[in-house]
C-alpha atoms as a PDB file:
ATOM      1  CA  UNK A   1      -3.055 -12.585  27.581  1.00  0.00           C
ATOM      2  CA  UNK A   2      -0.038 -10.469  27.177  1.00  0.00           C
ATOM      3  CA  UNK A   3      -0.265  -7.098  24.996  1.00  0.00           C
ATOM      4  CA  UNK A   4       1.996  -4.484  24.231  1.00  0.00           C
ATOM      5  CA  UNK A   5       1.177  -0.996  23.290  1.00  0.00           C
ATOM      6  CA  UNK A   6       2.474   1.843  20.881  1.00  0.00           C
ATOM      7  CA  UNK A   7       2.169   5.541  21.067  1.00  0.00           C
ATOM      8  CA  UNK A   8       3.201   8.390  18.980  1.00  0.00           C
ATOM      9  CA  UNK A   9       3.176  12.185  20.284  1.00  0.00           C
ATOM     10  CA  UNK A  10       4.252  15.503  19.013  1.00  0.00           C
ATOM     11  CA  UNK A  11       3.462  18.541  21.061  1.00  0.00           C
ATOM     12  CA  UNK A  12       0.903  16.757  23.554  1.00  0.00           C
ATOM     13  CA  UNK A  13       1.532  18.773  26.610  1.00  0.00           C
ATOM     14  CA  UNK A  14      -1.973  19.745  27.120  1.00  0.00           C
ATOM     15  CA  UNK A  15      -3.559  16.189  26.592  1.00  0.00           C
ATOM     16  CA  UNK A  16      -0.848  13.614  27.100  1.00  0.00           C
ATOM     17  CA  UNK A  17      -1.335  13.079  30.901  1.00  0.00           C
ATOM     18  CA  UNK A  18      -4.936  11.632  30.005  1.00  0.00           C
ATOM     19  CA  UNK A  19      -3.596   8.479  28.542  1.00  0.00           C
ATOM     20  CA  UNK A  20      -0.307   8.244  30.697  1.00  0.00           C
ATOM     21  CA  UNK A  21      -2.788   8.335  33.475  1.00  0.00           C
ATOM     22  CA  UNK A  22      -5.258   5.835  31.881  1.00  0.00           C
ATOM     23  CA  UNK A  23      -2.518   3.339  31.183  1.00  0.00           C
ATOM     24  CA  UNK A  24      -0.779   3.496  34.313  1.00  0.00           C
ATOM     25  CA  UNK A  25      -4.054   2.800  36.387  1.00  0.00           C
ATOM     26  CA  UNK A  26      -5.055  -0.432  34.150  1.00  0.00           C
ATOM     27  CA  UNK A  27      -5.810  -3.835  35.962  1.00  0.00           C
ATOM     28  CA  UNK A  28      -4.271  -5.619  33.642  1.00  0.00           C
ATOM     29  CA  UNK A  29      -0.948  -3.548  32.744  1.00  0.00           C
ATOM     30  CA  UNK A  30       0.787  -3.604  28.995  1.00  0.00           C
ATOM     31  CA  UNK A  31       4.026  -6.051  28.731  1.00  0.00           C
ATOM     32  CA  UNK A  32       5.491  -3.183  27.167  1.00  0.00           C
ATOM     33  CA  UNK A  33       4.611   0.291  26.210  1.00  0.00           C
ATOM     34  CA  UNK A  34       6.706   2.183  23.599  1.00  0.00           C
ATOM     35  CA  UNK A  35       6.048   5.841  23.244  1.00  0.00           C
ATOM     36  CA  UNK A  36       7.599   7.744  20.711  1.00  0.00           C
ATOM     37  CA  UNK A  37       8.145  11.493  20.590  1.00  0.00           C
ATOM     38  CA  UNK A  38       8.150  12.617  17.094  1.00  0.00           C
ATOM     39  CA  UNK A  39      10.017  15.717  17.708  1.00  0.00           C
ATOM     40  CA  UNK A  40       8.258  17.750  20.295  1.00  0.00           C
ATOM     41  CA  UNK A  41       8.867  21.297  21.201  1.00  0.00           C
ATOM     42  CA  UNK A  42       6.897  21.397  24.242  1.00  0.00           C
ATOM     43  CA  UNK A  43       7.186  19.781  27.691  1.00  0.00           C
ATOM     44  CA  UNK A  44       5.671  16.739  26.037  1.00  0.00           C
ATOM     45  CA  UNK A  45       9.316  14.521  26.341  1.00  0.00           C
ATOM     46  CA  UNK A  46       9.654  15.465  30.128  1.00  0.00           C
ATOM     47  CA  UNK A  47       6.092  14.531  30.741  1.00  0.00           C
ATOM     48  CA  UNK A  48       6.692  11.020  29.360  1.00  0.00           C
ATOM     49  CA  UNK A  49      10.030  10.856  31.109  1.00  0.00           C
ATOM     50  CA  UNK A  50       8.412  11.304  34.341  1.00  0.00           C
ATOM     51  CA  UNK A  51       6.131   8.403  34.021  1.00  0.00           C
ATOM     52  CA  UNK A  52       8.667   6.272  32.336  1.00  0.00           C
ATOM     53  CA  UNK A  53      10.399   6.456  35.745  1.00  0.00           C
ATOM     54  CA  UNK A  54       7.457   5.234  37.357  1.00  0.00           C
ATOM     55  CA  UNK A  55       6.419   2.188  35.421  1.00  0.00           C
ATOM     56  CA  UNK A  56       9.464  -0.188  34.223  1.00  0.00           C
ATOM     57  CA  UNK A  57       7.269  -1.234  31.197  1.00  0.00           C
ATOM     58  CA  UNK A  58       7.510   2.092  29.491  1.00  0.00           C
ATOM     59  CA  UNK A  59       9.915   2.468  26.924  1.00  0.00           C
ATOM     60  CA  UNK A  60      10.643   5.920  25.445  1.00  0.00           C
ATOM     61  CA  UNK A  61      12.032   6.921  22.221  1.00  0.00           C
ATOM     62  CA  UNK A  62      12.656  10.330  21.465  1.00  0.00           C
ATOM     63  CA  UNK A  63      13.272  11.373  17.765  1.00  0.00           C
ATOM     64  CA  UNK A  64      14.923  14.442  16.532  1.00  0.00           C
ATOM     65  CA  UNK A  65      12.476  17.373  15.759  1.00  0.00           C
ATOM     66  CA  UNK A  66      11.217  17.453  12.266  1.00  0.00           C
ATOM     67  CA  UNK A  67       8.870  20.265  10.874  1.00  0.00           C
ATOM     68  CA  UNK A  68       6.948  18.049   8.699  1.00  0.00           C
ATOM     69  CA  UNK A  69       3.901  16.156  10.427  1.00  0.00           C
ATOM     70  CA  UNK A  70       2.075  13.595   8.280  1.00  0.00           C
ATOM     71  CA  UNK A  71       0.321   9.999   8.686  1.00  0.00           C
ATOM     72  CA  UNK A  72       3.074   8.313   6.772  1.00  0.00           C
ATOM     73  CA  UNK A  73       5.654   9.351   9.870  1.00  0.00           C
ATOM     74  CA  UNK A  74       3.301   7.957  12.440  1.00  0.00           C
ATOM     75  CA  UNK A  75       2.751   4.739  10.706  1.00  0.00           C
ATOM     76  CA  UNK A  76       6.713   4.362   9.990  1.00  0.00           C
ATOM     77  CA  UNK A  77       6.974   5.354  13.864  1.00  0.00           C
ATOM     78  CA  UNK A  78       4.474   2.421  15.047  1.00  0.00           C
ATOM     79  CA  UNK A  79       6.230   0.039  12.805  1.00  0.00           C
ATOM     80  CA  UNK A  80       9.517   0.839  13.948  1.00  0.00           C
ATOM     81  CA  UNK A  81       8.524   1.154  17.799  1.00  0.00           C
ATOM     82  CA  UNK A  82       7.049  -2.757  17.426  1.00  0.00           C
ATOM     83  CA  UNK A  83      10.885  -3.676  16.564  1.00  0.00           C
ATOM     84  CA  UNK A  84      11.531  -2.820  20.037  1.00  0.00           C
ATOM     85  CA  UNK A  85       9.566  -6.055  21.146  1.00  0.00           C
ATOM     86  CA  UNK A  86       9.871  -8.261  18.721  1.00  0.00           C
ATOM     87  CA  UNK A  87      11.616 -10.833  21.364  1.00  0.00           C
ATOM     88  CA  UNK A  88       8.718 -10.229  23.731  1.00  0.00           C
ATOM     89  CA  UNK A  89       5.829 -13.058  24.017  1.00  0.00           C
ATOM     90  CA  UNK A  90       2.716 -11.104  23.461  1.00  0.00           C
ATOM     91  CA  UNK A  91      -0.590 -11.950  21.781  1.00  0.00           C
ATOM     92  CA  UNK A  92      -2.009  -8.397  21.334  1.00  0.00           C
ATOM     93  CA  UNK A  93      -0.868  -4.950  19.946  1.00  0.00           C
ATOM     94  CA  UNK A  94      -2.707  -1.879  20.659  1.00  0.00           C
ATOM     95  CA  UNK A  95      -2.034   1.722  18.957  1.00  0.00           C
ATOM     96  CA  UNK A  96      -3.058   4.538  21.110  1.00  0.00           C
ATOM     97  CA  UNK A  97      -3.048   8.212  20.173  1.00  0.00           C
ATOM     98  CA  UNK A  98      -1.623  10.617  22.775  1.00  0.00           C
ATOM     99  CA  UNK A  99      -4.969  12.358  23.237  1.00  0.00           C
ATOM    100  CA  UNK A 100      -7.439   9.449  24.634  1.00  0.00           C
ATOM    101  CA  UNK A 101      -8.229   8.231  28.068  1.00  0.00           C
ATOM    102  CA  UNK A 102     -10.559   5.038  29.279  1.00  0.00           C
ATOM    103  CA  UNK A 103     -11.452   3.401  32.363  1.00  0.00           C
ATOM    104  CA  UNK A 104      -9.104   1.430  34.740  1.00  0.00           C
ATOM    105  CA  UNK A 105     -10.688  -2.411  33.293  1.00  0.00           C
ATOM    106  CA  UNK A 106     -10.540  -1.277  29.557  1.00  0.00           C
ATOM    107  CA  UNK A 107      -7.600  -3.455  28.382  1.00  0.00           C
ATOM    108  CA  UNK A 108      -8.859  -6.072  30.632  1.00  0.00           C
ATOM    109  CA  UNK A 109     -12.393  -6.230  28.935  1.00  0.00           C
ATOM    110  CA  UNK A 110     -10.843  -6.247  25.227  1.00  0.00           C
ATOM    111  CA  UNK A 111      -8.505  -8.823  26.013  1.00  0.00           C
ATOM    112  CA  UNK A 112     -11.462 -11.226  27.406  1.00  0.00           C
ATOM    113  CA  UNK A 113     -12.883 -10.825  23.894  1.00  0.00           C
ATOM    114  CA  UNK A 114      -9.628 -11.627  22.283  1.00  0.00           C
ATOM    115  CA  UNK A 115      -9.399 -14.952  24.578  1.00  0.00           C
ATOM    116  CA  UNK A 116     -12.841 -15.909  23.860  1.00  0.00           C
ATOM    117  CA  UNK A 117     -12.620 -15.401  20.035  1.00  0.00           C
ATOM    118  CA  UNK A 118      -9.629 -16.838  18.311  1.00  0.00           C
ATOM    119  CA  UNK A 119     -11.041 -15.170  15.084  1.00  0.00           C
ATOM    120  CA  UNK A 120     -11.152 -11.832  16.367  1.00  0.00           C
ATOM    121  CA  UNK A 121      -8.407  -9.656  14.606  1.00  0.00           C
ATOM    122  CA  UNK A 122      -9.154  -6.189  15.653  1.00  0.00           C
ATOM    123  CA  UNK A 123     -11.007  -4.827  18.492  1.00  0.00           C
ATOM    124  CA  UNK A 124     -11.866  -1.640  20.447  1.00  0.00           C
ATOM    125  CA  UNK A 125     -14.966   0.396  21.507  1.00  0.00           C
ATOM    126  CA  UNK A 126     -17.016   3.378  20.751  1.00  0.00           C
ATOM    127  CA  UNK A 127     -15.620   6.723  21.736  1.00  0.00           C
ATOM    128  CA  UNK A 128     -17.106   9.892  22.918  1.00  0.00           C
ATOM    129  CA  UNK A 129     -15.988  13.634  22.591  1.00  0.00           C
ATOM    130  CA  UNK A 130     -16.801  17.106  23.884  1.00  0.00           C
ATOM    131  CA  UNK A 131     -20.210  18.161  23.184  1.00  0.00           C
ATOM    132  CA  UNK A 132     -21.826  15.065  23.799  1.00  0.00           C
ATOM    133  CA  UNK A 133     -20.460  13.287  20.749  1.00  0.00           C
ATOM    134  CA  UNK A 134     -20.909   9.608  20.836  1.00  0.00           C
ATOM    135  CA  UNK A 135     -19.723   7.086  17.951  1.00  0.00           C
ATOM    136  CA  UNK A 136     -22.533   4.697  18.289  1.00  0.00           C
ATOM    137  CA  UNK A 137     -25.109   7.597  17.604  1.00  0.00           C
ATOM    138  CA  UNK A 138     -23.332  10.129  15.184  1.00  0.00           C
ATOM    139  CA  UNK A 139     -21.237   7.894  12.915  1.00  0.00           C
ATOM    140  CA  UNK A 140     -22.260   4.792  10.185  1.00  0.00           C
ATOM    141  CA  UNK A 141     -18.883   2.863  10.737  1.00  0.00           C
ATOM    142  CA  UNK A 142     -20.840   0.801  13.046  1.00  0.00           C
ATOM    143  CA  UNK A 143     -19.738  -2.064  14.982  1.00  0.00           C
ATOM    144  CA  UNK A 144     -17.518  -3.683  12.550  1.00  0.00           C
ATOM    145  CA  UNK A 145     -15.167  -0.812  12.675  1.00  0.00           C
ATOM    146  CA  UNK A 146     -12.558   0.401  15.116  1.00  0.00           C
ATOM    147  CA  UNK A 147     -11.496   3.634  15.136  1.00  0.00           C
ATOM    148  CA  UNK A 148      -7.520   4.795  14.828  1.00  0.00           C
ATOM    149  CA  UNK A 149      -7.189   6.394  18.292  1.00  0.00           C
ATOM    150  CA  UNK A 150      -7.210   3.311  20.098  1.00  0.00           C
ATOM    151  CA  UNK A 151      -7.204  -0.044  18.105  1.00  0.00           C
ATOM    152  CA  UNK A 152      -5.938  -3.383  19.367  1.00  0.00           C
ATOM    153  CA  UNK A 153      -5.004  -6.261  16.984  1.00  0.00           C
ATOM    154  CA  UNK A 154      -4.192  -9.720  17.575  1.00  0.00           C
ATOM    155  CA  UNK A 155      -0.224 -10.191  16.768  1.00  0.00           C
ATOM    156  CA  UNK A 156      -0.861 -12.560  13.948  1.00  0.00           C
ATOM    157  CA  UNK A 157      -3.655 -10.434  12.520  1.00  0.00           C
ATOM    158  CA  UNK A 158      -1.426  -7.371  12.453  1.00  0.00           C
ATOM    159  CA  UNK A 159       1.383  -9.524  10.677  1.00  0.00           C
ATOM    160  CA  UNK A 160      -1.382 -10.883   8.113  1.00  0.00           C
ATOM    161  CA  UNK A 161      -2.000  -7.248   6.741  1.00  0.00           C
ATOM    162  CA  UNK A 162       1.432  -5.985   7.233  1.00  0.00           C
ATOM    163  CA  UNK A 163       0.981  -3.592   9.897  1.00  0.00           C
ATOM    164  CA  UNK A 164       0.082   0.120   9.059  1.00  0.00           C
ATOM    165  CA  UNK A 165       0.679   1.300   5.272  1.00  0.00           C
ATOM    166  CA  UNK A 166       2.493   4.376   5.079  1.00  0.00           C
ATOM    167  CA  UNK A 167       0.549   7.162   3.736  1.00  0.00           C
ATOM    168  CA  UNK A 168       1.219  11.066   4.082  1.00  0.00           C
ATOM    169  CA  UNK A 169      -2.400  12.185   3.981  1.00  0.00           C
ATOM    170  CA  UNK A 170      -3.869   9.685   6.456  1.00  0.00           C
ATOM    171  CA  UNK A 171      -6.406   6.785   6.615  1.00  0.00           C
ATOM    172  CA  UNK A 172      -3.478   4.324   7.783  1.00  0.00           C
ATOM    173  CA  UNK A 173      -5.650   3.203  10.799  1.00  0.00           C
ATOM    174  CA  UNK A 174      -8.912   2.738   8.340  1.00  0.00           C
ATOM    175  CA  UNK A 175      -6.662   0.643   5.644  1.00  0.00           C
ATOM    176  CA  UNK A 176      -5.514  -1.564   8.323  1.00  0.00           C
ATOM    177  CA  UNK A 177      -9.030  -2.175   9.765  1.00  0.00           C
ATOM    178  CA  UNK A 178     -10.527  -2.783   6.372  1.00  0.00           C
ATOM    179  CA  UNK A 179      -7.820  -5.020   4.985  1.00  0.00           C
ATOM    180  CA  UNK A 180      -8.391  -7.145   7.892  1.00  0.00           C
ATOM    181  CA  UNK A 181     -11.941  -7.446   7.503  1.00  0.00           C
ATOM    182  CA  UNK A 182     -11.301  -8.425   3.882  1.00  0.00           C
ATOM    183  CA  UNK A 183      -8.681 -11.082   4.476  1.00  0.00           C
ATOM    184  CA  UNK A 184     -11.609 -12.655   6.919  1.00  0.00           C
ATOM    185  CA  UNK A 185     -10.404 -11.663  10.554  1.00  0.00           C
ATOM    186  CA  UNK A 186     -13.426 -10.786  12.905  1.00  0.00           C
ATOM    187  CA  UNK A 187     -13.305  -6.629  13.527  1.00  0.00           C
ATOM    188  CA  UNK A 188     -15.576  -5.635  16.469  1.00  0.00           C
ATOM    189  CA  UNK A 189     -16.306  -2.646  18.273  1.00  0.00           C
ATOM    190  CA  UNK A 190     -17.678  -3.353  21.404  1.00  0.00           C
ATOM    191  CA  UNK A 191     -20.159  -0.970  22.950  1.00  0.00           C
ATOM    192  CA  UNK A 192     -20.047  -1.656  26.580  1.00  0.00           C
ATOM    193  CA  UNK A 193     -17.154   0.648  27.125  1.00  0.00           C
ATOM    194  CA  UNK A 194     -16.168   3.902  25.568  1.00  0.00           C
ATOM    195  CA  UNK A 195     -12.571   5.735  25.493  1.00  0.00           C
ATOM    196  CA  UNK A 196     -12.945   9.516  25.318  1.00  0.00           C
ATOM    197  CA  UNK A 197     -11.288  11.139  22.631  1.00  0.00           C
ATOM    198  CA  UNK A 198     -10.039  14.617  24.238  1.00  0.00           C
ATOM    199  CA  UNK A 199      -9.736  16.579  20.764  1.00  0.00           C
ATOM    200  CA  UNK A 200     -12.087  16.452  17.730  1.00  0.00           C
ATOM    201  CA  UNK A 201     -11.156  13.649  15.194  1.00  0.00           C
ATOM    202  CA  UNK A 202      -9.010  15.354  12.523  1.00  0.00           C
ATOM    203  CA  UNK A 203      -8.482  18.691  14.350  1.00  0.00           C
ATOM    204  CA  UNK A 204      -4.623  18.004  15.378  1.00  0.00           C
ATOM    205  CA  UNK A 205      -3.593  20.835  12.925  1.00  0.00           C
ATOM    206  CA  UNK A 206      -6.390  22.257  11.280  1.00  0.00           C
ATOM    207  CA  UNK A 207      -9.671  23.998  12.049  1.00  0.00           C
ATOM    208  CA  UNK A 208     -12.998  22.218  12.051  1.00  0.00           C
ATOM    209  CA  UNK A 209     -13.969  23.058   8.238  1.00  0.00           C
ATOM    210  CA  UNK A 210     -10.357  22.482   6.816  1.00  0.00           C
ATOM    211  CA  UNK A 211     -10.605  18.969   8.659  1.00  0.00           C
ATOM    212  CA  UNK A 212     -14.059  18.261   7.034  1.00  0.00           C
ATOM    213  CA  UNK A 213     -12.415  19.146   3.803  1.00  0.00           C
ATOM    214  CA  UNK A 214      -9.570  16.784   4.418  1.00  0.00           C
ATOM    215  CA  UNK A 215     -12.202  13.906   5.337  1.00  0.00           C
ATOM    216  CA  UNK A 216     -13.841  14.599   2.258  1.00  0.00           C
ATOM    217  CA  UNK A 217     -10.427  14.001   0.073  1.00  0.00           C
ATOM    218  CA  UNK A 218      -9.688  11.124   2.286  1.00  0.00           C
ATOM    219  CA  UNK A 219     -12.955   9.693   1.170  1.00  0.00           C
ATOM    220  CA  UNK A 220     -12.113   9.890  -2.359  1.00  0.00           C
ATOM    221  CA  UNK A 221      -8.433   8.574  -2.154  1.00  0.00           C
ATOM    222  CA  UNK A 222      -9.683   5.392   0.072  1.00  0.00           C
ATOM    223  CA  UNK A 223     -12.087   4.548  -2.884  1.00  0.00           C
ATOM    224  CA  UNK A 224     -15.333   5.491  -1.016  1.00  0.00           C
ATOM    225  CA  UNK A 225     -18.120   5.609  -3.461  1.00  0.00           C
ATOM    226  CA  UNK A 226     -19.641   8.551  -5.033  1.00  0.00           C
ATOM    227  CA  UNK A 227     -22.977   7.563  -4.424  1.00  0.00           C
ATOM    228  CA  UNK A 228     -22.428   6.941  -0.555  1.00  0.00           C
ATOM    229  CA  UNK A 229     -20.617  10.469  -0.424  1.00  0.00           C
ATOM    230  CA  UNK A 230     -23.797  11.931  -1.538  1.00  0.00           C
ATOM    231  CA  UNK A 231     -25.440  10.488   1.332  1.00  0.00           C
ATOM    232  CA  UNK A 232     -22.706  11.282   3.758  1.00  0.00           C
ATOM    233  CA  UNK A 233     -22.636  15.062   2.810  1.00  0.00           C
ATOM    234  CA  UNK A 234     -26.244  15.060   3.269  1.00  0.00           C
ATOM    235  CA  UNK A 235     -25.999  13.720   6.701  1.00  0.00           C
ATOM    236  CA  UNK A 236     -23.233  15.940   7.792  1.00  0.00           C
ATOM    237  CA  UNK A 237     -25.541  19.071   6.745  1.00  0.00           C
ATOM    238  CA  UNK A 238     -27.636  17.896   9.493  1.00  0.00           C
ATOM    239  CA  UNK A 239     -24.981  18.293  11.869  1.00  0.00           C
ATOM    240  CA  UNK A 240     -22.909  21.412  13.438  1.00  0.00           C
ATOM    241  CA  UNK A 241     -21.569  23.378  11.691  1.00  0.00           C
ATOM    242  CA  UNK A 242     -24.625  22.235   9.161  1.00  0.00           C
ATOM    243  CA  UNK A 243     -24.211  23.259   5.512  1.00  0.00           C
ATOM    244  CA  UNK A 244     -20.634  24.430   6.033  1.00  0.00           C
ATOM    245  CA  UNK A 245     -19.794  21.160   7.020  1.00  0.00           C
ATOM    246  CA  UNK A 246     -21.293  19.306   4.072  1.00  0.00           C
ATOM    247  CA  UNK A 247     -20.201  21.740   1.653  1.00  0.00           C
ATOM    248  CA  UNK A 248     -16.490  21.387   2.983  1.00  0.00           C
ATOM    249  CA  UNK A 249     -16.984  17.517   2.754  1.00  0.00           C
ATOM    250  CA  UNK A 250     -18.448  17.529  -0.999  1.00  0.00           C
ATOM    251  CA  UNK A 251     -15.726  20.196  -1.829  1.00  0.00           C
ATOM    252  CA  UNK A 252     -12.799  17.719  -0.532  1.00  0.00           C
ATOM    253  CA  UNK A 253     -14.138  14.957  -2.113  1.00  0.00           C
ATOM    254  CA  UNK A 254     -14.965  16.859  -5.584  1.00  0.00           C
ATOM    255  CA  UNK A 255     -11.275  18.478  -5.311  1.00  0.00           C
ATOM    256  CA  UNK A 256      -9.675  15.085  -4.937  1.00  0.00           C
ATOM    257  CA  UNK A 257     -11.531  13.631  -7.893  1.00  0.00           C
ATOM    258  CA  UNK A 258     -10.575  16.303 -10.123  1.00  0.00           C
ATOM    259  CA  UNK A 259      -7.052  16.452  -9.543  1.00  0.00           C
ATOM    260  CA  UNK A 260      -6.977  12.605  -9.562  1.00  0.00           C
ATOM    261  CA  UNK A 261      -5.211  12.268  -6.025  1.00  0.00           C
ATOM    262  CA  UNK A 262      -3.215   9.074  -5.772  1.00  0.00           C
ATOM    263  CA  UNK A 263      -5.217   6.276  -3.991  1.00  0.00           C
ATOM    264  CA  UNK A 264      -3.096   4.149  -1.692  1.00  0.00           C
ATOM    265  CA  UNK A 265      -5.457   1.422  -1.689  1.00  0.00           C
ATOM    266  CA  UNK A 266      -5.706  -1.704  -3.832  1.00  0.00           C
ATOM    267  CA  UNK A 267      -8.569  -2.149  -6.502  1.00  0.00           C
ATOM    268  CA  UNK A 268      -9.511  -5.305  -4.291  1.00  0.00           C
ATOM    269  CA  UNK A 269      -9.675  -3.327  -1.261  1.00  0.00           C
ATOM    270  CA  UNK A 270     -11.706  -0.384  -3.025  1.00  0.00           C
ATOM    271  CA  UNK A 271     -14.147  -3.185  -4.362  1.00  0.00           C
ATOM    272  CA  UNK A 272     -14.791  -4.245  -1.017  1.00  0.00           C
ATOM    273  CA  UNK A 273     -15.068  -0.882   0.479  1.00  0.00           C
ATOM    274  CA  UNK A 274     -17.910   0.366  -1.855  1.00  0.00           C
ATOM    275  CA  UNK A 275     -19.563  -2.826  -1.819  1.00  0.00           C
ATOM    276  CA  UNK A 276     -19.733  -2.331   1.855  1.00  0.00           C
ATOM    277  CA  UNK A 277     -21.032   0.881   1.698  1.00  0.00           C
ATOM    278  CA  UNK A 278     -23.942   0.016  -0.670  1.00  0.00           C
ATOM    279  CA  UNK A 279     -24.996  -2.586   1.481  1.00  0.00           C
ATOM    280  CA  UNK A 280     -25.276  -0.083   4.497  1.00  0.00           C
ATOM    281  CA  UNK A 281     -26.972   2.219   2.077  1.00  0.00           C
ATOM    282  CA  UNK A 282     -29.644  -0.324   0.896  1.00  0.00           C
ATOM    283  CA  UNK A 283     -30.413  -1.062   4.793  1.00  0.00           C
ATOM    284  CA  UNK A 284     -30.941   2.840   5.256  1.00  0.00           C
ATOM    285  CA  UNK A 285     -33.201   3.198   2.674  1.00  0.00           C
ATOM    286  CA  UNK A 286     -35.131  -0.101   3.294  1.00  0.00           C
ATOM    287  CA  UNK A 287     -35.524   1.239   6.925  1.00  0.00           C
ATOM    288  CA  UNK A 288     -36.666   4.352   5.623  1.00  0.00           C
ATOM    289  CA  UNK A 289     -39.172   3.020   3.475  1.00  0.00           C
ATOM    290  CA  UNK A 290     -40.350   0.496   6.157  1.00  0.00           C
ATOM    291  CA  UNK A 291     -40.556   3.389   8.654  1.00  0.00           C
ATOM    292  CA  UNK A 292     -38.397   1.548  10.923  1.00  0.00           C
ATOM    293  CA  UNK A 293     -35.752   3.096  13.096  1.00  0.00           C
ATOM    294  CA  UNK A 294     -32.449   1.236  13.096  1.00  0.00           C
ATOM    295  CA  UNK A 295     -29.162   1.648  15.006  1.00  0.00           C
ATOM    296  CA  UNK A 296     -26.600   3.256  13.025  1.00  0.00           C
ATOM    297  CA  UNK A 297     -24.249   1.315  15.409  1.00  0.00           C
ATOM    298  CA  UNK A 298     -25.734  -2.016  14.293  1.00  0.00           C
ATOM    299  CA  UNK A 299     -26.284  -1.093  10.589  1.00  0.00           C
ATOM    300  CA  UNK A 300     -23.812  -3.368   9.493  1.00  0.00           C
ATOM    301  CA  UNK A 301     -25.772  -6.144  10.966  1.00  0.00           C
ATOM    302  CA  UNK A 302     -28.982  -5.113   8.910  1.00  0.00           C
ATOM    303  CA  UNK A 303     -26.654  -4.706   5.732  1.00  0.00           C
ATOM    304  CA  UNK A 304     -25.854  -8.330   6.211  1.00  0.00           C
ATOM    305  CA  UNK A 305     -29.283  -9.784   6.151  1.00  0.00           C
ATOM    306  CA  UNK A 306     -29.767  -7.871   2.730  1.00  0.00           C
ATOM    307  CA  UNK A 307     -26.444  -9.502   1.159  1.00  0.00           C
END
């Protein structure tokens, strides 16, 4: 199967070599990789240009400097970059953040799954971060979610959901994945491999506690249930930075609710999201009452047994 990749980068001099080397070493290279430099003030553009001179399938776009850094800009940049490949024949679109790395057969592995299942709309793998973090053990998103730093979409699925929905505060990748699920596409995270995220999620321009506050706000404006949020806060208090992280998450959600932050999701998607959260919570409670240990990664499978 043919695939194209899109990456947006800004001031990633310290980390971007990881993804450049990873894609450059793939056993199944992309048909095209559009890299958008979104106004960097460091050496990011020169690093990209160096790799573009080695690989003819890298298409480098250099945007003028901008003071504002928002997720809406990322969504717009990705959607615009894909206009550069409209005439190419390909079946899969991949969005990569500039701070990830993975094995040489990573793309080949995921493309095999797309070839085997025509209903597979979004595919990816769990990820690791410094300090021993592994999303299969430290997240409740589970096997039916694909994290934003490395997402692959079937082209027809991408067109069906309308690509990334620009939202300045974030959540563009989450909205895409959940919309795909809501519309009947299979979304699968395959645990046989991992990608490594070289920067803790949400900390590109924030401290860890500020990132937690932002995640709390995002939980609200993406339509998350307040009941689920209480559970999420309690769980976060058991992880570093313990009670402070949990409180920051709670304050973020509460602040967004009090100030009535605009929600970029449709009522239909919010209902779908909350129903999914409640199924997961029931599965967790049932396992606790039955003193049965279940994997956080396969929690969605357990919740389907309840519904």
